[in-house]
């Protein structure tokens, strides 16, 4: 009986400790749309950590990813900070049309729409 109680108490302590660890990683889902609000499949999207890096296209925070059929791309395991987004397809891009995210919420799937014109 004492063994069962000790095991149950140990499990309760283990679950309490485990719940304090961050399970979800900070992620960002970007949906690329055009000026008419249509989703854009196959747009190239890349993140930069600073405005200067974005403007000079240096020191990217991610590889280039391409949007799927839903116009979406996901970035995982990010730091909870502001990012600058470069999105383009053919002759359209998001320059001058919103390039900065809000500070990402830690441990959450953050979502942003980017318009390319």
Protein backbone atom coordinates (compact mmCIF):
# COMPACT_ATOMS: atom_id res chain seq x y z
CA UNK A 1 0.00 0.00 0.00
CA UNK A 2 2.83 2.37 0.90
CA UNK A 3 4.57 1.52 -2.38
CA UNK A 4 1.48 2.44 -4.40
CA UNK A 5 1.11 5.70 -2.49
CA UNK A 6 4.79 6.50 -3.05
CA UNK A 7 4.47 5.77 -6.78
CA UNK A 8 1.36 7.94 -7.08
CA UNK A 9 3.05 10.76 -5.19
CA UNK A 10 6.13 10.46 -7.42
CA UNK A 11 3.97 10.57 -10.55
CA UNK A 12 2.12 13.63 -9.27
CA UNK A 13 5.41 15.43 -8.63
CA UNK A 14 6.73 14.39 -12.06
CA UNK A 15 3.63 15.71 -13.87
CA UNK A 16 3.76 18.96 -11.90
CA UNK A 17 7.40 19.50 -12.84
CA UNK A 18 6.83 18.50 -16.47
CA UNK A 19 3.99 20.99 -16.83
CA UNK A 20 6.39 23.85 -16.08
CA UNK A 21 8.54 22.97 -19.11
CA UNK A 22 7.70 24.63 -22.40
CA UNK A 23 6.13 22.07 -24.69
CA UNK A 24 5.37 24.28 -27.68
CA UNK A 25 8.12 26.01 -29.58
CA UNK A 26 7.76 29.56 -30.83
CA UNK A 27 6.56 29.37 -34.43
CA UNK A 28 5.33 31.70 -37.14
CA UNK A 29 2.78 30.95 -39.86
CA UNK A 30 2.77 33.47 -42.69
CA UNK A 31 -0.02 33.64 -45.26
CA UNK A 32 0.92 35.52 -48.43
CA UNK A 33 -1.90 37.24 -50.28
CA UNK A 34 -2.00 39.60 -53.24
CA UNK A 35 -3.50 43.11 -53.35
CA UNK A 36 -6.94 41.61 -54.09
CA UNK A 37 -6.80 39.25 -51.11
CA UNK A 38 -6.12 36.10 -53.15
CA UNK A 39 -3.73 33.53 -51.70
CA UNK A 40 -0.36 33.27 -53.43
CA UNK A 41 1.09 29.81 -53.95
CA UNK A 42 4.83 29.50 -54.57
CA UNK A 43 5.88 32.84 -53.05
CA UNK A 44 9.43 32.93 -51.65
CA UNK A 45 9.49 33.96 -47.98
CA UNK A 46 12.52 34.68 -45.80
CA UNK A 47 12.92 36.17 -42.31
CA UNK A 48 15.49 38.70 -41.12
CA UNK A 49 16.31 39.60 -37.50
CA UNK A 50 16.78 43.37 -38.02
CA UNK A 51 15.62 46.12 -40.34
CA UNK A 52 19.18 46.68 -41.58
CA UNK A 53 19.58 42.98 -42.40
CA UNK A 54 16.25 43.05 -44.24
CA UNK A 55 17.17 46.15 -46.28
CA UNK A 56 20.62 44.76 -47.17
CA UNK A 57 19.40 41.15 -47.54
CA UNK A 58 22.17 39.95 -45.24
CA UNK A 59 22.26 37.69 -42.17
CA UNK A 60 18.87 35.97 -42.74
CA UNK A 61 17.17 34.36 -39.74
CA UNK A 62 15.82 31.56 -41.93
CA UNK A 63 16.20 29.78 -45.20
CA UNK A 64 13.92 30.69 -48.08
CA UNK A 65 10.65 28.77 -47.92
CA UNK A 66 7.89 28.69 -50.52
CA UNK A 67 4.20 29.02 -49.77
CA UNK A 68 1.96 25.99 -50.23
CA UNK A 69 -1.42 25.73 -51.98
CA UNK A 70 -2.98 27.68 -49.11
CA UNK A 71 -0.45 30.47 -49.51
CA UNK A 72 1.16 29.54 -46.21
CA UNK A 73 4.64 28.90 -44.93
CA UNK A 74 5.63 27.92 -41.38
CA UNK A 75 8.80 28.77 -39.50
CA UNK A 76 9.54 26.74 -36.35
CA UNK A 77 11.87 27.05 -33.38
CA UNK A 78 12.13 30.85 -33.53
CA UNK A 79 13.18 33.30 -30.85
CA UNK A 80 10.36 35.41 -29.41
CA UNK A 81 11.32 38.66 -31.14
CA UNK A 82 10.35 40.92 -34.04
CA UNK A 83 11.16 39.63 -37.53
CA UNK A 84 11.32 41.36 -40.90
CA UNK A 85 9.69 39.43 -43.73
CA UNK A 86 10.77 39.40 -47.36
CA UNK A 87 8.08 37.84 -49.57
CA UNK A 88 8.06 37.80 -53.37
CA UNK A 89 6.77 36.03 -56.43
CA UNK A 90 7.49 37.04 -60.01
CA UNK A 91 7.37 40.87 -60.10
CA UNK A 92 5.37 41.23 -56.83
CA UNK A 93 6.82 41.76 -53.35
CA UNK A 94 5.92 43.22 -49.97
CA UNK A 95 8.33 46.17 -50.07
CA UNK A 96 6.53 49.14 -48.58
CA UNK A 97 3.49 47.04 -47.67
CA UNK A 98 4.21 45.76 -44.17
CA UNK A 99 7.44 43.90 -43.58
CA UNK A 100 7.67 43.79 -39.78
CA UNK A 101 5.97 41.32 -37.45
CA UNK A 102 4.95 42.11 -33.91
CA UNK A 103 7.15 40.55 -31.26
CA UNK A 104 6.38 36.83 -31.43
CA UNK A 105 4.68 35.32 -28.40
CA UNK A 106 6.90 32.73 -26.77
CA UNK A 107 5.68 29.14 -27.06
CA UNK A 108 2.86 30.04 -29.46
CA UNK A 109 2.02 29.62 -33.14
CA UNK A 110 2.05 33.27 -34.25
CA UNK A 111 0.19 34.18 -37.45
CA UNK A 112 0.79 37.00 -39.93
CA UNK A 113 -0.66 37.92 -43.33
CA UNK A 114 1.74 39.50 -45.82
CA UNK A 115 0.49 41.38 -48.88
CA UNK A 116 2.55 41.39 -52.05
CA UNK A 117 1.85 43.94 -54.78
